[in-house]
Amino acid sequence: MSEFEYKKFKYSIVLPAAFVALLWLVYIIESTTDTSFYYLGVYPRTLKGLVGIFLMPIIHSGFKHLIGNTIPLIVMGTGILYFYRSLGYKVFIIIWVISGLCVWIGGRESYHIGASGIVYGLASFLFFSGLIRRDVRLAALSLVIVFLYGGMIWGVLPIWPAISWEGHLFGGVAGVVCAFLYRNEGPQRVVYSWELDEEFQEEDCLSENENRQIN
């Protein structure tokens, strides 16, 4: 890894690490004070639940819930900022707000907490954006996402009543929408020299055929 790539990676991991640190800080405060901030989550279609649109991702039900989101947030958060830079920040915020808002509109009447909606949003954005852009690097990242988190697809189904599958579903949908909306922004497909050579050869063949037809 070159010095430039190393610095790029170092700066890309700062925000995801800081965000995860905030989640752990909130959890530690809850644990040490024997309290819970679940009431700050999203409670659909109520005024008290509106604040959860912004606070839902930083509140978790327990250690297992938090640790389950920690690694994906760092891995995919770093990936989106490394490859997409400023667009990554925009996508992160959009997924955060849109997933929370959709849960508030269409979720079950219960408190919804956790950053899983953002995790699903980042995963779907990285996967579909990699496919749309047909970039080798992004395609490789997409395969890693599928390999590591392929089982996440079951999380968008209403299988486990205690899990906010709505948050997973709306987060994933927000990620897909962002992938299509911003398909022309951020990293574009790298065109290799051998592809250009093939294109020039095809153009030469077409030109020769046209000249033969004219003559």
N, C-alpha and C. Protein backbone atom coordinates (compact mmCIF):
# COMPACT_ATOMS: atom_id res chain seq x y z
N MET A 1 0.84 -1.19 0.00
CA MET A 1 0.00 0.00 0.00
C MET A 1 0.88 1.25 0.00
N SER A 2 0.62 2.16 -0.95
CA SER A 2 1.41 3.38 -1.04
C SER A 2 1.08 4.32 0.12
N GLU A 3 1.93 5.33 0.30
CA GLU A 3 1.71 6.27 1.38
C GLU A 3 0.39 7.02 1.19
N PHE A 4 0.07 7.33 -0.06
CA PHE A 4 -1.19 8.02 -0.35
C PHE A 4 -2.39 7.15 0.03
N GLU A 5 -2.33 5.86 -0.37
CA GLU A 5 -3.43 4.95 -0.07
C GLU A 5 -3.56 4.74 1.43
N TYR A 6 -2.41 4.70 2.12
CA TYR A 6 -2.44 4.52 3.57
C TYR A 6 -3.13 5.71 4.25
N LYS A 7 -2.78 6.92 3.82
CA LYS A 7 -3.41 8.12 4.40
C LYS A 7 -4.90 8.15 4.08
N LYS A 8 -5.24 7.76 2.86
CA LYS A 8 -6.64 7.73 2.44
C LYS A 8 -7.43 6.75 3.31
N PHE A 9 -6.82 5.58 3.57
CA PHE A 9 -7.47 4.60 4.43
C PHE A 9 -7.60 5.11 5.86
N LYS A 10 -6.55 5.75 6.35
CA LYS A 10 -6.55 6.27 7.72
C LYS A 10 -7.64 7.30 7.92
N TYR A 11 -7.81 8.20 6.97
CA TYR A 11 -8.85 9.22 7.09
C TYR A 11 -10.25 8.61 6.92
N SER A 12 -10.34 7.55 6.13
CA SER A 12 -11.64 6.93 5.87
C SER A 12 -12.18 6.19 7.08
N ILE A 13 -11.30 5.73 7.95
CA ILE A 13 -11.74 4.94 9.10
C ILE A 13 -12.09 5.82 10.30
N VAL A 14 -11.70 7.10 10.25
CA VAL A 14 -11.89 7.99 11.41
C VAL A 14 -13.37 8.14 11.77
N LEU A 15 -14.21 8.51 10.79
CA LEU A 15 -15.63 8.75 11.07
C LEU A 15 -16.34 7.48 11.52
N PRO A 16 -16.19 6.35 10.81
CA PRO A 16 -16.85 5.13 11.30
C PRO A 16 -16.40 4.75 12.71
N ALA A 17 -15.11 4.89 13.00
CA ALA A 17 -14.61 4.55 14.33
C ALA A 17 -15.19 5.50 15.38
N ALA A 18 -15.29 6.79 15.04
CA ALA A 18 -15.85 7.76 15.98
C ALA A 18 -17.33 7.49 16.22
N PHE A 19 -18.05 7.12 15.17
CA PHE A 19 -19.47 6.81 15.30
C PHE A 19 -19.68 5.59 16.19
N VAL A 20 -18.88 4.56 15.97
CA VAL A 20 -18.98 3.35 16.79
C VAL A 20 -18.60 3.66 18.24
N ALA A 21 -17.61 4.51 18.42
CA ALA A 21 -17.21 4.91 19.78
C ALA A 21 -18.37 5.59 20.50
N LEU A 22 -19.14 6.39 19.77
CA LEU A 22 -20.31 7.05 20.35
C LEU A 22 -21.34 6.01 20.79
N LEU A 23 -21.55 4.99 19.97
CA LEU A 23 -22.50 3.94 20.32
C LEU A 23 -22.07 3.23 21.60
N TRP A 24 -20.79 2.95 21.71
CA TRP A 24 -20.28 2.28 22.90
C TRP A 24 -20.35 3.18 24.13
N LEU A 25 -20.13 4.47 23.94
CA LEU A 25 -20.23 5.41 25.05
C LEU A 25 -21.64 5.43 25.61
N VAL A 26 -22.63 5.47 24.73
CA VAL A 26 -24.03 5.46 25.15
C VAL A 26 -24.35 4.16 25.89
N TYR A 27 -23.86 3.04 25.36
CA TYR A 27 -24.12 1.75 26.00
C TYR A 27 -23.46 1.67 27.38
N ILE A 28 -22.25 2.19 27.50
CA ILE A 28 -21.55 2.19 28.79
C ILE A 28 -22.30 3.04 29.81
N ILE A 29 -22.79 4.20 29.36
CA ILE A 29 -23.57 5.07 30.26
C ILE A 29 -24.82 4.34 30.75
N GLU A 30 -25.51 3.67 29.83
CA GLU A 30 -26.70 2.91 30.21
C GLU A 30 -26.36 1.82 31.22
N SER A 31 -25.27 1.10 30.95
CA SER A 31 -24.90 -0.03 31.81
C SER A 31 -24.46 0.42 33.19
N THR A 32 -23.67 1.49 33.25
CA THR A 32 -23.12 1.93 34.55
C THR A 32 -24.16 2.66 35.39
N THR A 33 -25.16 3.23 34.76
CA THR A 33 -26.19 3.95 35.51
C THR A 33 -27.47 3.13 35.66
N ASP A 34 -27.42 1.90 35.16
CA ASP A 34 -28.56 0.98 35.26
C ASP A 34 -29.84 1.62 34.72
N THR A 35 -29.72 2.16 33.52
CA THR A 35 -30.87 2.80 32.88
C THR A 35 -30.94 2.37 31.43
N SER A 36 -31.94 2.82 30.73
CA SER A 36 -32.09 2.50 29.31
C SER A 36 -32.68 3.69 28.57
N PHE A 37 -32.15 3.94 27.39
CA PHE A 37 -32.62 5.05 26.57
C PHE A 37 -33.54 4.57 25.45
N TYR A 38 -34.16 3.40 25.64
CA TYR A 38 -35.00 2.83 24.58
C TYR A 38 -36.11 3.79 24.16
N TYR A 39 -36.57 4.62 25.10
CA TYR A 39 -37.67 5.54 24.83
C TYR A 39 -37.26 6.67 23.87
N LEU A 40 -35.97 6.73 23.54
CA LEU A 40 -35.50 7.71 22.55
C LEU A 40 -35.46 7.12 21.14
N GLY A 41 -35.93 5.88 21.02
CA GLY A 41 -35.99 5.27 19.70
C GLY A 41 -37.21 5.74 18.93
N VAL A 42 -37.40 5.16 17.77
CA VAL A 42 -38.55 5.50 16.93
C VAL A 42 -39.80 4.77 17.45
N TYR A 43 -40.84 5.54 17.74
CA TYR A 43 -42.14 4.94 18.02
C TYR A 43 -43.07 5.45 16.92
N PRO A 44 -43.42 4.56 15.98
CA PRO A 44 -44.13 4.97 14.76
C PRO A 44 -45.39 5.80 15.00
N ARG A 45 -45.50 6.83 14.14
CA ARG A 45 -46.69 7.68 14.04
C ARG A 45 -47.08 8.37 15.34
N THR A 46 -46.10 8.72 16.14
CA THR A 46 -46.34 9.51 17.36
C THR A 46 -45.35 10.66 17.40
N LEU A 47 -45.75 11.74 18.07
CA LEU A 47 -44.84 12.88 18.20
C LEU A 47 -43.60 12.52 19.02
N LYS A 48 -43.79 11.72 20.07
CA LYS A 48 -42.65 11.35 20.91
C LYS A 48 -41.65 10.48 20.14
N GLY A 49 -42.14 9.82 19.10
CA GLY A 49 -41.25 8.93 18.33
C GLY A 49 -40.46 9.62 17.25
N LEU A 50 -40.76 10.91 16.99
CA LEU A 50 -40.04 11.62 15.93
C LEU A 50 -38.56 11.78 16.24
N VAL A 51 -38.23 12.00 17.51
CA VAL A 51 -36.83 12.19 17.89
C VAL A 51 -36.02 10.93 17.58
N GLY A 52 -36.69 9.78 17.55
CA GLY A 52 -36.01 8.53 17.27
C GLY A 52 -35.45 8.44 15.86
N ILE A 53 -35.99 9.22 14.94
CA ILE A 53 -35.46 9.23 13.57
C ILE A 53 -33.98 9.55 13.59
N PHE A 54 -33.58 10.41 14.51
CA PHE A 54 -32.18 10.83 14.59
C PHE A 54 -31.39 10.09 15.68
N LEU A 55 -32.11 9.60 16.70
CA LEU A 55 -31.41 8.97 17.83
C LEU A 55 -31.46 7.45 17.82
N MET A 56 -32.34 6.86 17.03
CA MET A 56 -32.48 5.41 17.00
C MET A 56 -31.15 4.67 16.80
N PRO A 57 -30.29 5.09 15.85
CA PRO A 57 -29.07 4.32 15.59
C PRO A 57 -28.07 4.28 16.73
N ILE A 58 -28.13 5.21 17.67
CA ILE A 58 -27.10 5.24 18.72
C ILE A 58 -27.53 4.48 19.98
N ILE A 59 -28.72 3.87 19.95
CA ILE A 59 -29.24 3.15 21.13
C ILE A 59 -29.38 1.67 20.80
N HIS A 60 -28.88 0.82 21.70
CA HIS A 60 -28.94 -0.62 21.49
C HIS A 60 -29.51 -1.33 22.71
N SER A 61 -30.08 -2.50 22.45
CA SER A 61 -30.76 -3.23 23.52
C SER A 61 -29.81 -3.99 24.44
N GLY A 62 -28.59 -4.20 24.01
CA GLY A 62 -27.65 -4.93 24.85
C GLY A 62 -26.31 -5.12 24.16
N PHE A 63 -25.41 -5.83 24.84
CA PHE A 63 -24.06 -6.03 24.32
C PHE A 63 -24.06 -6.80 22.99
N LYS A 64 -24.85 -7.87 22.91
CA LYS A 64 -24.90 -8.67 21.68
C LYS A 64 -25.40 -7.84 20.50
N HIS A 65 -26.41 -7.02 20.76
CA HIS A 65 -26.96 -6.16 19.71
C HIS A 65 -25.90 -5.17 19.23
N LEU A 66 -25.18 -4.58 20.15
CA LEU A 66 -24.18 -3.58 19.81
C LEU A 66 -22.99 -4.18 19.09
N ILE A 67 -22.47 -5.30 19.59
CA ILE A 67 -21.30 -5.91 18.97
C ILE A 67 -21.63 -6.41 17.57
N GLY A 68 -22.91 -6.80 17.37
CA GLY A 68 -23.33 -7.26 16.05
C GLY A 68 -23.32 -6.16 15.00
N ASN A 69 -23.45 -4.90 15.44
CA ASN A 69 -23.42 -3.77 14.51
C ASN A 69 -22.04 -3.11 14.41
N THR A 70 -21.20 -3.34 15.40
CA THR A 70 -19.91 -2.64 15.47
C THR A 70 -19.01 -2.95 14.28
N ILE A 71 -18.75 -4.23 14.04
CA ILE A 71 -17.82 -4.61 12.96
C ILE A 71 -18.35 -4.21 11.58
N PRO A 72 -19.63 -4.52 11.25
CA PRO A 72 -20.14 -4.09 9.94
C PRO A 72 -20.08 -2.58 9.73
N LEU A 73 -20.35 -1.81 10.78
CA LEU A 73 -20.29 -0.35 10.64
C LEU A 73 -18.88 0.12 10.32
N ILE A 74 -17.88 -0.45 10.98
CA ILE A 74 -16.50 -0.05 10.74
C ILE A 74 -16.04 -0.49 9.35
N VAL A 75 -16.34 -1.75 8.99
CA VAL A 75 -15.90 -2.28 7.70
C VAL A 75 -16.55 -1.54 6.54
N MET A 76 -17.89 -1.46 6.55
CA MET A 76 -18.58 -0.84 5.43
C MET A 76 -18.51 0.68 5.47
N GLY A 77 -18.46 1.24 6.68
CA GLY A 77 -18.29 2.69 6.78
C GLY A 77 -16.96 3.13 6.21
N THR A 78 -15.91 2.38 6.52
CA THR A 78 -14.59 2.69 5.96
C THR A 78 -14.58 2.49 4.45
N GLY A 79 -15.23 1.42 3.99
CA GLY A 79 -15.26 1.13 2.56
C GLY A 79 -15.95 2.23 1.76
N ILE A 80 -17.09 2.71 2.25
CA ILE A 80 -17.83 3.72 1.50
C ILE A 80 -17.08 5.06 1.47
N LEU A 81 -16.39 5.40 2.55
CA LEU A 81 -15.64 6.65 2.58
C LEU A 81 -14.33 6.53 1.79
N TYR A 82 -13.75 5.35 1.77
CA TYR A 82 -12.49 5.14 1.04
C TYR A 82 -12.72 5.26 -0.46
N PHE A 83 -13.77 4.63 -0.95
CA PHE A 83 -14.02 4.61 -2.39
C PHE A 83 -14.86 5.78 -2.88
N TYR A 84 -15.74 6.31 -2.04
CA TYR A 84 -16.69 7.32 -2.51
C TYR A 84 -16.43 8.72 -1.95
N ARG A 85 -15.57 8.83 -0.96
CA ARG A 85 -15.19 10.10 -0.35
C ARG A 85 -16.41 10.94 0.03
N SER A 86 -16.54 12.15 -0.53
CA SER A 86 -17.60 13.08 -0.09
C SER A 86 -18.98 12.50 -0.34
N LEU A 87 -19.16 11.70 -1.38
CA LEU A 87 -20.46 11.08 -1.64
C LEU A 87 -20.81 10.11 -0.52
N GLY A 88 -19.80 9.49 0.07
CA GLY A 88 -20.03 8.55 1.15
C GLY A 88 -20.69 9.21 2.35
N TYR A 89 -20.26 10.43 2.68
CA TYR A 89 -20.88 11.16 3.79
C TYR A 89 -22.35 11.42 3.50
N LYS A 90 -22.63 11.83 2.28
CA LYS A 90 -24.01 12.14 1.89
C LYS A 90 -24.89 10.90 1.98
N VAL A 91 -24.39 9.79 1.45
CA VAL A 91 -25.16 8.54 1.46
C VAL A 91 -25.41 8.06 2.89
N PHE A 92 -24.39 8.17 3.74
CA PHE A 92 -24.52 7.75 5.14
C PHE A 92 -25.65 8.51 5.83
N ILE A 93 -25.68 9.82 5.65
CA ILE A 93 -26.70 10.65 6.28
C ILE A 93 -28.08 10.35 5.71
N ILE A 94 -28.17 10.19 4.39
CA ILE A 94 -29.46 9.91 3.75
C ILE A 94 -30.04 8.60 4.26
N ILE A 95 -29.21 7.56 4.32
CA ILE A 95 -29.67 6.26 4.81
C ILE A 95 -30.14 6.39 6.25
N TRP A 96 -29.38 7.11 7.06
CA TRP A 96 -29.73 7.31 8.48
C TRP A 96 -31.13 7.92 8.61
N VAL A 97 -31.35 9.04 7.90
CA VAL A 97 -32.61 9.77 8.04
C VAL A 97 -33.77 9.06 7.37
N ILE A 98 -33.57 8.59 6.14
CA ILE A 98 -34.67 7.97 5.39
C ILE A 98 -35.14 6.68 6.05
N SER A 99 -34.20 5.85 6.51
CA SER A 99 -34.60 4.60 7.16
C SER A 99 -35.39 4.89 8.43
N GLY A 100 -34.95 5.87 9.23
CA GLY A 100 -35.66 6.23 10.45
C GLY A 100 -37.04 6.80 10.17
N LEU A 101 -37.12 7.64 9.14
CA LEU A 101 -38.40 8.25 8.78
C LEU A 101 -39.39 7.20 8.29
N CYS A 102 -38.91 6.26 7.48
CA CYS A 102 -39.80 5.22 6.96
C CYS A 102 -40.28 4.29 8.08
N VAL A 103 -39.40 4.02 9.06
CA VAL A 103 -39.83 3.22 10.21
C VAL A 103 -40.90 3.97 10.99
N TRP A 104 -40.73 5.28 11.13
CA TRP A 104 -41.73 6.08 11.85
C TRP A 104 -43.08 6.05 11.12
N ILE A 105 -43.02 6.02 9.81
CA ILE A 105 -44.27 6.01 9.02
C ILE A 105 -44.89 4.62 8.97
N GLY A 106 -44.08 3.59 8.74
CA GLY A 106 -44.65 2.27 8.46
C GLY A 106 -44.28 1.17 9.42
N GLY A 107 -43.62 1.47 10.52
CA GLY A 107 -43.22 0.43 11.46
C GLY A 107 -44.33 -0.02 12.39
N ARG A 108 -44.09 -1.14 13.09
CA ARG A 108 -45.05 -1.60 14.10
C ARG A 108 -45.06 -0.66 15.29
N GLU A 109 -46.14 -0.69 16.05
CA GLU A 109 -46.26 0.18 17.22
C GLU A 109 -45.42 -0.38 18.36
N SER A 110 -44.16 -0.03 18.34
CA SER A 110 -43.20 -0.46 19.34
C SER A 110 -41.97 0.43 19.19
N TYR A 111 -41.11 0.45 20.18
CA TYR A 111 -39.88 1.23 20.07
C TYR A 111 -38.88 0.49 19.19
N HIS A 112 -38.34 1.20 18.22
CA HIS A 112 -37.35 0.64 17.30
C HIS A 112 -36.01 1.31 17.60
N ILE A 113 -34.99 0.50 17.92
CA ILE A 113 -33.68 1.04 18.25
C ILE A 113 -32.59 0.26 17.52
N GLY A 114 -31.40 0.87 17.43
CA GLY A 114 -30.26 0.19 16.85
C GLY A 114 -29.83 0.76 15.51
N ALA A 115 -28.58 0.50 15.17
CA ALA A 115 -27.97 1.01 13.92
C ALA A 115 -28.06 0.01 12.78
N SER A 116 -28.84 -1.05 12.95
CA SER A 116 -28.92 -2.08 11.92
C SER A 116 -29.46 -1.54 10.60
N GLY A 117 -30.35 -0.55 10.67
CA GLY A 117 -30.87 0.05 9.44
C GLY A 117 -29.76 0.67 8.62
N ILE A 118 -28.82 1.33 9.28
CA ILE A 118 -27.67 1.92 8.58
C ILE A 118 -26.78 0.82 8.01
N VAL A 119 -26.59 -0.25 8.78
CA VAL A 119 -25.77 -1.38 8.32
C VAL A 119 -26.35 -1.96 7.03
N TYR A 120 -27.65 -2.20 7.02
CA TYR A 120 -28.31 -2.75 5.84
C TYR A 120 -28.25 -1.75 4.67
N GLY A 121 -28.37 -0.47 4.98
CA GLY A 121 -28.30 0.54 3.94
C GLY A 121 -26.94 0.60 3.29
N LEU A 122 -25.88 0.57 4.09
CA LEU A 122 -24.52 0.60 3.56
C LEU A 122 -24.24 -0.65 2.73
N ALA A 123 -24.68 -1.80 3.24
CA ALA A 123 -24.44 -3.05 2.53
C ALA A 123 -25.11 -3.04 1.15
N SER A 124 -26.37 -2.63 1.10
CA SER A 124 -27.09 -2.62 -0.17
C SER A 124 -26.53 -1.57 -1.12
N PHE A 125 -26.13 -0.42 -0.57
CA PHE A 125 -25.54 0.61 -1.43
C PHE A 125 -24.24 0.13 -2.06
N LEU A 126 -23.34 -0.41 -1.24
CA LEU A 126 -22.05 -0.88 -1.75
C LEU A 126 -22.23 -1.99 -2.77
N PHE A 127 -23.15 -2.90 -2.51
CA PHE A 127 -23.35 -4.02 -3.42
C PHE A 127 -23.92 -3.56 -4.76
N PHE A 128 -25.02 -2.82 -4.74
CA PHE A 128 -25.66 -2.42 -5.98
C PHE A 128 -24.87 -1.34 -6.72
N SER A 129 -24.21 -0.48 -5.99
CA SER A 129 -23.37 0.53 -6.64
C SER A 129 -22.22 -0.14 -7.38
N GLY A 130 -21.65 -1.19 -6.77
CA GLY A 130 -20.58 -1.93 -7.42
C GLY A 130 -21.05 -2.58 -8.71
N LEU A 131 -22.26 -3.13 -8.70
CA LEU A 131 -22.81 -3.76 -9.90
C LEU A 131 -23.10 -2.73 -10.98
N ILE A 132 -23.71 -1.62 -10.58
CA ILE A 132 -24.09 -0.59 -11.55
C ILE A 132 -22.88 0.02 -12.24
N ARG A 133 -21.84 0.30 -11.46
CA ARG A 133 -20.66 0.98 -12.01
C ARG A 133 -19.71 0.04 -12.76
N ARG A 134 -19.86 -1.25 -12.57
CA ARG A 134 -19.04 -2.27 -13.23
C ARG A 134 -17.54 -1.97 -13.06
N ASP A 135 -17.21 -1.57 -11.85
CA ASP A 135 -15.83 -1.28 -11.50
C ASP A 135 -15.24 -2.51 -10.81
N VAL A 136 -14.04 -2.91 -11.22
CA VAL A 136 -13.42 -4.12 -10.69
C VAL A 136 -13.25 -4.02 -9.18
N ARG A 137 -12.78 -2.87 -8.70
CA ARG A 137 -12.55 -2.69 -7.26
C ARG A 137 -13.86 -2.76 -6.48
N LEU A 138 -14.88 -2.09 -7.00
CA LEU A 138 -16.17 -2.08 -6.32
C LEU A 138 -16.86 -3.43 -6.43
N ALA A 139 -16.64 -4.12 -7.55
CA ALA A 139 -17.20 -5.45 -7.71
C ALA A 139 -16.59 -6.40 -6.68
N ALA A 140 -15.28 -6.27 -6.46
CA ALA A 140 -14.59 -7.09 -5.46
C ALA A 140 -15.16 -6.81 -4.07
N LEU A 141 -15.38 -5.52 -3.79
CA LEU A 141 -15.96 -5.14 -2.50
C LEU A 141 -17.37 -5.70 -2.36
N SER A 142 -18.13 -5.70 -3.45
CA SER A 142 -19.48 -6.25 -3.44
C SER A 142 -19.46 -7.74 -3.10
N LEU A 143 -18.50 -8.46 -3.66
CA LEU A 143 -18.39 -9.89 -3.38
C LEU A 143 -18.05 -10.13 -1.91
N VAL A 144 -17.20 -9.27 -1.36
CA VAL A 144 -16.85 -9.38 0.06
C VAL A 144 -18.10 -9.17 0.91
N ILE A 145 -18.90 -8.18 0.54
CA ILE A 145 -20.13 -7.88 1.27
C ILE A 145 -21.06 -9.09 1.24
N VAL A 146 -21.23 -9.68 0.05
CA VAL A 146 -22.11 -10.84 -0.07
C VAL A 146 -21.57 -12.02 0.74
N PHE A 147 -20.25 -12.22 0.68
CA PHE A 147 -19.64 -13.35 1.39
C PHE A 147 -19.78 -13.21 2.90
N LEU A 148 -19.51 -12.01 3.39
CA LEU A 148 -19.52 -11.79 4.84
C LEU A 148 -20.92 -11.59 5.40
N TYR A 149 -21.77 -10.90 4.63
CA TYR A 149 -23.07 -10.51 5.17
C TYR A 149 -24.24 -11.00 4.32
N GLY A 150 -24.01 -12.07 3.55
CA GLY A 150 -25.08 -12.60 2.70
C GLY A 150 -26.30 -13.04 3.49
N GLY A 151 -26.10 -13.50 4.72
CA GLY A 151 -27.21 -13.94 5.55
C GLY A 151 -28.10 -12.81 6.02
N MET A 152 -27.68 -11.56 5.76
CA MET A 152 -28.46 -10.41 6.20
C MET A 152 -29.82 -10.34 5.52
N ILE A 153 -29.96 -11.02 4.37
CA ILE A 153 -31.22 -10.95 3.63
C ILE A 153 -32.39 -11.42 4.48
N TRP A 154 -32.13 -12.37 5.41
CA TRP A 154 -33.21 -12.88 6.25
C TRP A 154 -33.68 -11.83 7.25
N GLY A 155 -32.85 -10.83 7.50
CA GLY A 155 -33.21 -9.80 8.47
C GLY A 155 -34.30 -8.85 8.02
N VAL A 156 -34.60 -8.86 6.71
CA VAL A 156 -35.65 -7.96 6.21
C VAL A 156 -37.01 -8.64 6.21
N LEU A 157 -37.07 -9.87 6.67
CA LEU A 157 -38.33 -10.61 6.72
C LEU A 157 -38.86 -10.65 8.16
N PRO A 158 -40.18 -10.62 8.31
CA PRO A 158 -40.78 -10.61 9.65
C PRO A 158 -40.75 -11.99 10.31
N ILE A 159 -39.54 -12.49 10.54
CA ILE A 159 -39.37 -13.83 11.11
C ILE A 159 -39.27 -13.77 12.63
N TRP A 160 -38.46 -12.83 13.12
CA TRP A 160 -38.25 -12.71 14.56
C TRP A 160 -38.97 -11.47 15.08
N PRO A 161 -40.02 -11.64 15.88
CA PRO A 161 -40.84 -10.51 16.35
C PRO A 161 -40.06 -9.46 17.14
N ALA A 162 -39.01 -9.89 17.84
CA ALA A 162 -38.27 -8.95 18.69
C ALA A 162 -37.29 -8.09 17.90
N ILE A 163 -37.12 -8.40 16.62
CA ILE A 163 -36.16 -7.66 15.78
C ILE A 163 -36.91 -6.70 14.86
N SER A 164 -36.39 -5.49 14.73
CA SER A 164 -37.02 -4.50 13.86
C SER A 164 -36.66 -4.79 12.40
N TRP A 165 -37.38 -5.75 11.82
CA TRP A 165 -37.13 -6.06 10.41
C TRP A 165 -37.49 -4.87 9.52
N GLU A 166 -38.41 -4.01 10.01
CA GLU A 166 -38.75 -2.82 9.24
C GLU A 166 -37.54 -1.91 9.07
N GLY A 167 -36.76 -1.75 10.15
CA GLY A 167 -35.56 -0.93 10.07
C GLY A 167 -34.57 -1.49 9.08
N HIS A 168 -34.41 -2.83 9.08
CA HIS A 168 -33.52 -3.48 8.13
C HIS A 168 -34.00 -3.27 6.69
N LEU A 169 -35.30 -3.49 6.50
CA LEU A 169 -35.88 -3.38 5.16
C LEU A 169 -35.76 -1.97 4.62
N PHE A 170 -36.18 -0.97 5.40
CA PHE A 170 -36.15 0.41 4.92
C PHE A 170 -34.71 0.91 4.74
N GLY A 171 -33.80 0.45 5.60
CA GLY A 171 -32.40 0.81 5.42
C GLY A 171 -31.86 0.25 4.13
N GLY A 172 -32.18 -1.02 3.85
CA GLY A 172 -31.73 -1.64 2.61
C GLY A 172 -32.29 -0.95 1.38
N VAL A 173 -33.57 -0.60 1.43
CA VAL A 173 -34.20 0.10 0.30
C VAL A 173 -33.55 1.46 0.09
N ALA A 174 -33.27 2.17 1.18
CA ALA A 174 -32.61 3.48 1.08
C ALA A 174 -31.25 3.35 0.41
N GLY A 175 -30.52 2.28 0.73
CA GLY A 175 -29.22 2.05 0.12
C GLY A 175 -29.32 1.80 -1.37
N VAL A 176 -30.31 1.00 -1.78
CA VAL A 176 -30.51 0.71 -3.21
C VAL A 176 -30.87 1.99 -3.96
N VAL A 177 -31.77 2.79 -3.40
CA VAL A 177 -32.19 4.04 -4.04
C VAL A 177 -30.98 4.97 -4.21
N CYS A 178 -30.15 5.08 -3.19
CA CYS A 178 -28.95 5.93 -3.28
C CYS A 178 -28.01 5.41 -4.36
N ALA A 179 -27.88 4.10 -4.48
CA ALA A 179 -26.99 3.52 -5.49
C ALA A 179 -27.41 3.94 -6.90
N PHE A 180 -28.73 3.98 -7.14
CA PHE A 180 -29.23 4.37 -8.46
C PHE A 180 -29.19 5.89 -8.64
N LEU A 181 -29.57 6.63 -7.63
CA LEU A 181 -29.61 8.08 -7.74
C LEU A 181 -28.23 8.68 -7.99
N TYR A 182 -27.21 8.11 -7.33
CA TYR A 182 -25.86 8.67 -7.41
C TYR A 182 -24.94 7.81 -8.26
N ARG A 183 -25.51 7.11 -9.23
CA ARG A 183 -24.71 6.21 -10.07
C ARG A 183 -23.69 6.96 -10.93
N ASN A 184 -23.93 8.25 -11.18
CA ASN A 184 -23.01 9.03 -11.99
C ASN A 184 -22.07 9.90 -11.16
N GLU A 185 -22.17 9.77 -9.84
CA GLU A 185 -21.28 10.50 -8.95
C GLU A 185 -20.33 9.53 -8.26
N GLY A 186 -19.18 10.05 -7.82
CA GLY A 186 -18.23 9.20 -7.14
C GLY A 186 -17.35 8.44 -8.13
N PRO A 187 -16.76 7.32 -7.72
CA PRO A 187 -15.82 6.59 -8.59
C PRO A 187 -16.53 6.01 -9.80
N GLN A 188 -15.93 6.17 -10.95
CA GLN A 188 -16.48 5.62 -12.18
C GLN A 188 -15.63 4.44 -12.63
N ARG A 189 -16.18 3.67 -13.50
CA ARG A 189 -15.51 2.46 -13.97
C ARG A 189 -14.19 2.82 -14.65
N VAL A 190 -13.15 2.10 -14.29
CA VAL A 190 -11.83 2.30 -14.89
C VAL A 190 -11.79 1.61 -16.24
N VAL A 191 -11.40 2.36 -17.28
CA VAL A 191 -11.27 1.79 -18.62
C VAL A 191 -9.81 1.43 -18.85
N TYR A 192 -9.54 0.16 -19.11
CA TYR A 192 -8.17 -0.31 -19.27
C TYR A 192 -7.71 -0.18 -20.71
N SER A 193 -6.40 -0.16 -20.88
CA SER A 193 -5.81 0.07 -22.21
C SER A 193 -6.23 -1.00 -23.20
N TRP A 194 -6.32 -2.26 -22.76
CA TRP A 194 -6.70 -3.32 -23.69
C TRP A 194 -8.13 -3.14 -24.18
N GLU A 195 -8.99 -2.52 -23.37
CA GLU A 195 -10.35 -2.25 -23.81
C GLU A 195 -10.37 -1.17 -24.89
N LEU A 196 -9.50 -0.16 -24.71
CA LEU A 196 -9.39 0.91 -25.70
C LEU A 196 -8.87 0.35 -27.02
N ASP A 197 -7.88 -0.57 -26.94
CA ASP A 197 -7.33 -1.16 -28.15
C ASP A 197 -8.41 -1.92 -28.91
N GLU A 198 -9.24 -2.67 -28.18
CA GLU A 198 -10.32 -3.41 -28.84
C GLU A 198 -11.32 -2.46 -29.48
N GLU A 199 -11.60 -1.34 -28.77
CA GLU A 199 -12.56 -0.36 -29.31
C GLU A 199 -12.03 0.26 -30.59
N PHE A 200 -10.73 0.61 -30.59
CA PHE A 200 -10.13 1.20 -31.79
C PHE A 200 -10.13 0.20 -32.95
N GLN A 201 -9.88 -1.07 -32.64
CA GLN A 201 -9.88 -2.09 -33.69
C GLN A 201 -11.27 -2.23 -34.30
N GLU A 202 -12.29 -2.18 -33.44
CA GLU A 202 -13.66 -2.27 -33.95
C GLU A 202 -14.00 -1.08 -34.84
N GLU A 203 -13.54 0.13 -34.42
CA GLU A 203 -13.79 1.32 -35.23
C GLU A 203 -13.08 1.23 -36.57
N ASP A 204 -11.85 0.70 -36.57
CA ASP A 204 -11.10 0.55 -37.82
C ASP A 204 -11.81 -0.42 -38.76
N CYS A 205 -12.35 -1.51 -38.20
CA CYS A 205 -13.06 -2.49 -39.03
C CYS A 205 -14.32 -1.86 -39.64
N LEU A 206 -15.02 -1.06 -38.84
CA LEU A 206 -16.23 -0.40 -39.35
C LEU A 206 -15.87 0.58 -40.46
N SER A 207 -14.77 1.32 -40.28
CA SER A 207 -14.34 2.29 -41.29
C SER A 207 -13.99 1.59 -42.59
N GLU A 208 -13.30 0.46 -42.49
CA GLU A 208 -12.92 -0.28 -43.69
C GLU A 208 -14.16 -0.79 -44.42
N ASN A 209 -15.13 -1.28 -43.67
CA ASN A 209 -16.36 -1.78 -44.29
C ASN A 209 -17.12 -0.66 -44.99
N GLU A 210 -17.14 0.52 -44.36
CA GLU A 210 -17.84 1.66 -44.97
C GLU A 210 -17.15 2.07 -46.26
N ASN A 211 -15.81 2.08 -46.25
CA ASN A 211 -15.06 2.48 -47.45
C ASN A 211 -15.32 1.49 -48.58
N ARG A 212 -15.38 0.19 -48.24
CA ARG A 212 -15.64 -0.81 -49.27
C ARG A 212 -17.02 -0.61 -49.89
N GLN A 213 -17.99 -0.27 -49.03
CA GLN A 213 -19.35 -0.07 -49.53
C GLN A 213 -19.42 1.15 -50.43
N ILE A 214 -18.67 2.20 -50.07
CA ILE A 214 -18.67 3.43 -50.86
C ILE A 214 -18.00 3.19 -52.20
N ASN A 215 -16.89 2.46 -52.21
CA ASN A 215 -16.17 2.20 -53.46
C ASN A 215 -16.97 1.25 -54.34
